[in-house]
Amino acid sequence: MKQSTSDDSRKKLLDSAFQEIYKCGFQSASISAILSETGLTKGALYHHFPTKKDLGLAVIDEVIYRALEERFFSPLKNSDTPLQTLLEIIDRTKERALIRVELGCPLNNLIQEMSPLDEQFKDHLVRVVTIWKGIVEEALLRSQKLGEIRADIDCKDTALFIFAAFEGCIGAAKNMQSAEVLASCIDRLHDYVSGLKNDQ
């Protein structure tokens, strides 16, 4: 029972910290606001996360990564039609991101804010990006073997471009505070990926 209560407290802290970091950035995130949202004490926080940095790194590894795993990585890894699944994931981004278009992508926000400032943050963020690119590359390779995309496509470079374009679309929409910009940019990314198809 105590273990379950402790696990619940840890999850509350992570969820609240994610929202605070998403809204304010890591450096401006308020521990007081996180505790106020959860109703927990500083003792409970420091029991699970000895420093604010530990909390921030856990948000990357356990909240942001797991969300990407559920929405992006797992469907793509397990798909029998990887190209179609990739296109569907790209399209769904418009609907999901519309809700928080003003805040952008939590992963990219931290990349922009913390990668130049802290080596540990950079390493944790690079790990997520590397996994993301690797999963897209593997999906493209499978699609190539299935004859869905052209044989001349360099899957490694294309995966990097898709990642960069995906994040760039969300970043541009955040900068312009525009859901229309997001939809237009995502549609162009969809066109690019569709253009990889083998028409023969």
Protein backbone atom coordinates (compact mmCIF):
# COMPACT_ATOMS: atom_id res chain seq x y z
CA MET A 1 0.00 0.00 0.00
CA LYS A 2 2.81 2.42 0.92
CA GLN A 3 4.61 1.58 -2.32
CA SER A 4 1.45 2.34 -4.30
CA THR A 5 1.03 5.68 -2.52
CA SER A 6 4.66 6.53 -3.20
CA ASP A 7 4.26 5.63 -6.87
CA ASP A 8 1.14 7.79 -7.09
CA SER A 9 2.96 10.74 -5.56
CA ARG A 10 5.84 10.34 -7.99
CA LYS A 11 3.47 10.25 -10.96
CA LYS A 12 1.63 13.35 -9.72
CA LEU A 13 4.92 15.20 -9.40
CA LEU A 14 6.04 14.18 -12.88
CA ASP A 15 2.74 15.11 -14.49
CA SER A 16 2.63 18.47 -12.75
CA ALA A 17 6.29 19.17 -13.53
CA PHE A 18 5.70 18.36 -17.18
CA GLN A 19 2.86 20.88 -17.40
CA GLU A 20 4.85 23.55 -15.58
CA ILE A 21 7.94 23.02 -17.76
CA TYR A 22 5.79 22.94 -20.89
CA LYS A 23 4.23 26.29 -20.02
CA CYS A 24 7.24 28.08 -18.55
CA GLY A 25 10.38 26.28 -19.69
CA PHE A 26 12.67 24.36 -17.36
CA GLN A 27 14.63 27.30 -16.01
CA SER A 28 11.52 29.30 -15.13
CA ALA A 29 9.52 26.32 -13.87
CA SER A 30 8.41 26.89 -10.28
CA ILE A 31 8.79 24.14 -7.70
CA SER A 32 6.18 25.95 -5.59
CA ALA A 33 3.69 25.83 -8.45
CA ILE A 34 4.35 22.12 -8.97
CA LEU A 35 3.79 21.40 -5.28
CA SER A 36 0.69 23.58 -5.15
CA GLU A 37 -0.80 21.68 -8.08
CA THR A 38 -0.12 18.29 -6.51
CA GLY A 39 -0.81 19.16 -2.87
CA LEU A 40 2.43 17.42 -1.92
CA THR A 41 5.24 18.64 0.30
CA LYS A 42 8.84 19.54 -0.52
CA GLY A 43 9.84 16.46 1.43
CA ALA A 44 7.80 14.28 -0.91
CA LEU A 45 9.36 15.98 -3.92
CA TYR A 46 12.94 15.62 -2.74
CA HIS A 47 12.31 12.02 -1.70
CA HIS A 48 11.74 11.18 -5.35
CA PHE A 49 13.81 13.90 -7.03
CA PRO A 50 16.75 15.24 -4.98
CA THR A 51 17.18 18.24 -7.31
CA LYS A 52 15.12 20.21 -9.81
CA LYS A 53 17.47 18.90 -12.50
CA ASP A 54 16.66 15.30 -11.55
CA LEU A 55 12.99 16.17 -11.91
CA GLY A 56 13.56 17.73 -15.34
CA LEU A 57 15.51 14.73 -16.62
CA ALA A 58 12.79 12.39 -15.38
CA VAL A 59 10.20 14.44 -17.27
CA ILE A 60 12.18 13.82 -20.48
CA ASP A 61 12.67 10.09 -19.84
CA GLU A 62 9.32 9.19 -18.32
CA VAL A 63 6.74 11.67 -19.57
CA ILE A 64 7.88 12.99 -22.93
CA TYR A 65 9.49 9.73 -24.07
CA ARG A 66 6.54 7.61 -22.99
CA ALA A 67 4.09 9.89 -24.79
CA LEU A 68 6.14 9.58 -27.96
CA GLU A 69 6.37 5.82 -27.48
CA GLU A 70 2.58 5.54 -27.23
CA ARG A 71 1.63 7.94 -30.01
CA PHE A 72 4.49 7.54 -32.46
CA PHE A 73 7.14 4.92 -31.79
CA SER A 74 5.04 1.86 -30.94
CA PRO A 75 2.49 2.22 -33.77
CA LEU A 76 5.29 2.65 -36.29
CA LYS A 77 7.38 -0.24 -34.95
CA ASN A 78 4.43 -2.62 -34.97
CA SER A 79 2.88 -1.64 -38.29
CA ASP A 80 2.60 -4.01 -41.23
CA THR A 81 2.15 -0.97 -43.49
CA PRO A 82 4.85 1.39 -42.20
CA LEU A 83 4.52 4.08 -44.86
CA GLN A 84 0.77 4.39 -44.38
CA THR A 85 1.19 4.46 -40.60
CA LEU A 86 3.81 7.20 -40.86
CA LEU A 87 1.47 9.27 -43.02
CA GLU A 88 -1.37 8.76 -40.54
CA ILE A 89 0.83 9.84 -37.63
CA ILE A 90 1.85 12.97 -39.52
CA ASP A 91 -1.80 13.80 -40.28
CA ARG A 92 -2.94 13.24 -36.69
CA THR A 93 -0.41 15.81 -35.53
CA LYS A 94 -2.68 18.56 -36.83
CA GLU A 95 -5.61 17.54 -34.66
CA ARG A 96 -3.60 16.79 -31.50
CA ALA A 97 -1.33 19.82 -31.66
CA LEU A 98 -4.18 22.24 -32.30
CA ILE A 99 -4.98 22.18 -28.59
CA ARG A 100 -1.54 23.48 -27.54
CA VAL A 101 -0.28 25.05 -30.72
CA GLU A 102 0.65 28.14 -28.70
CA LEU A 103 3.13 26.11 -26.62
CA GLY A 104 4.76 24.08 -29.37
CA CYS A 105 6.43 20.69 -28.92
CA PRO A 106 7.60 19.83 -25.38
CA LEU A 107 10.61 17.93 -26.68
CA ASN A 108 11.74 20.63 -29.06
CA ASN A 109 11.18 23.34 -26.46
CA LEU A 110 13.66 21.62 -24.16
CA ILE A 111 16.08 20.96 -27.00
CA GLN A 112 16.15 24.68 -27.81
CA GLU A 113 16.33 25.78 -24.18
CA MET A 114 18.60 23.26 -22.47
CA SER A 115 20.85 21.51 -24.99
CA PRO A 116 23.27 24.47 -25.21
CA LEU A 117 23.32 24.89 -21.43
CA ASP A 118 23.58 21.48 -19.80
CA GLU A 119 25.39 18.35 -20.97
CA GLN A 120 23.11 15.93 -19.13
CA PHE A 121 19.99 17.51 -20.54
CA LYS A 122 21.55 17.38 -24.01
CA ASP A 123 22.41 13.68 -23.60
CA HIS A 124 18.89 12.75 -22.50
CA LEU A 125 17.34 14.77 -25.32
CA VAL A 126 19.75 13.33 -27.91
CA ARG A 127 18.75 9.84 -26.77
CA VAL A 128 15.08 10.56 -27.52
CA VAL A 129 15.86 12.14 -30.88
CA THR A 130 18.15 9.25 -31.83
CA ILE A 131 15.46 6.71 -31.02
CA TRP A 132 12.91 8.74 -32.98
CA LYS A 133 15.12 8.94 -36.08
CA GLY A 134 16.02 5.26 -35.77
CA ILE A 135 12.40 4.16 -35.67
CA VAL A 136 11.52 6.24 -38.72
CA GLU A 137 14.59 4.94 -40.56
CA GLU A 138 13.67 1.33 -39.72
CA ALA A 139 10.10 1.94 -40.89
CA LEU A 140 11.35 3.39 -44.16
CA LEU A 141 13.70 0.44 -44.68
CA ARG A 142 10.82 -1.98 -44.13
CA SER A 143 8.69 0.04 -46.51
CA GLN A 144 11.49 -0.12 -49.06
CA LYS A 145 11.69 -3.91 -48.76
CA LEU A 146 7.92 -4.09 -49.25
CA GLY A 147 8.27 -2.08 -52.43
CA GLU A 148 6.23 0.82 -51.04
CA ILE A 149 8.96 3.44 -51.51
CA ARG A 150 11.64 3.87 -54.13
CA ALA A 151 14.87 1.89 -53.92
CA ASP A 152 16.98 5.02 -54.39
CA ILE A 153 15.76 6.62 -51.14
CA ASP A 154 18.47 7.04 -48.49
CA CYS A 155 16.43 6.00 -45.47
CA LYS A 156 18.85 7.35 -42.87
CA ASP A 157 19.03 10.86 -44.33
CA THR A 158 15.30 10.87 -45.07
CA ALA A 159 14.46 9.91 -41.48
CA LEU A 160 16.55 12.83 -40.22
CA PHE A 161 14.79 15.21 -42.60
CA ILE A 162 11.33 13.96 -41.58
CA PHE A 163 12.17 14.48 -37.91
CA ALA A 164 13.54 17.98 -38.56
CA ALA A 165 10.58 18.94 -40.76
CA PHE A 166 8.08 17.58 -38.25
CA GLU A 167 9.57 19.63 -35.42
CA GLY A 168 9.98 22.63 -37.69
CA CYS A 169 6.28 22.61 -38.56
CA ILE A 170 5.29 22.72 -34.91
CA GLY A 171 7.95 25.32 -34.14
CA ALA A 172 6.77 27.61 -36.95
CA ALA A 173 3.17 27.32 -35.76
CA LYS A 174 4.23 28.20 -32.21
CA ASN A 175 6.22 31.19 -33.41
CA MET A 176 3.29 32.50 -35.45
CA GLN A 177 0.67 31.29 -32.94
CA SER A 178 -1.26 29.82 -35.83
CA ALA A 179 -3.07 26.51 -36.22
CA GLU A 180 -3.40 27.32 -39.92
CA VAL A 181 0.38 27.48 -40.27
CA LEU A 182 0.66 24.09 -38.57
CA ALA A 183 -1.95 22.52 -40.86
CA SER A 184 -0.34 23.93 -44.01
CA CYS A 185 3.17 22.86 -43.01
CA ILE A 186 2.07 19.37 -41.97
CA ASP A 187 0.23 18.98 -45.28
CA ARG A 188 3.47 19.76 -47.13
CA LEU A 189 5.34 17.18 -45.03
CA HIS A 190 2.61 14.67 -45.88
CA ASP A 191 3.13 15.48 -49.57
CA TYR A 192 6.87 14.96 -49.23
CA VAL A 193 6.50 11.54 -47.58
CA SER A 194 3.84 10.54 -50.11
CA GLY A 195 6.33 11.51 -52.82
CA LEU A 196 8.66 8.74 -51.65
CA LYS A 197 6.25 6.13 -52.98
CA ASN A 198 7.30 3.70 -55.64
CA ASP A 199 4.95 4.40 -58.55
CA GLN A 200 6.07 1.44 -60.63
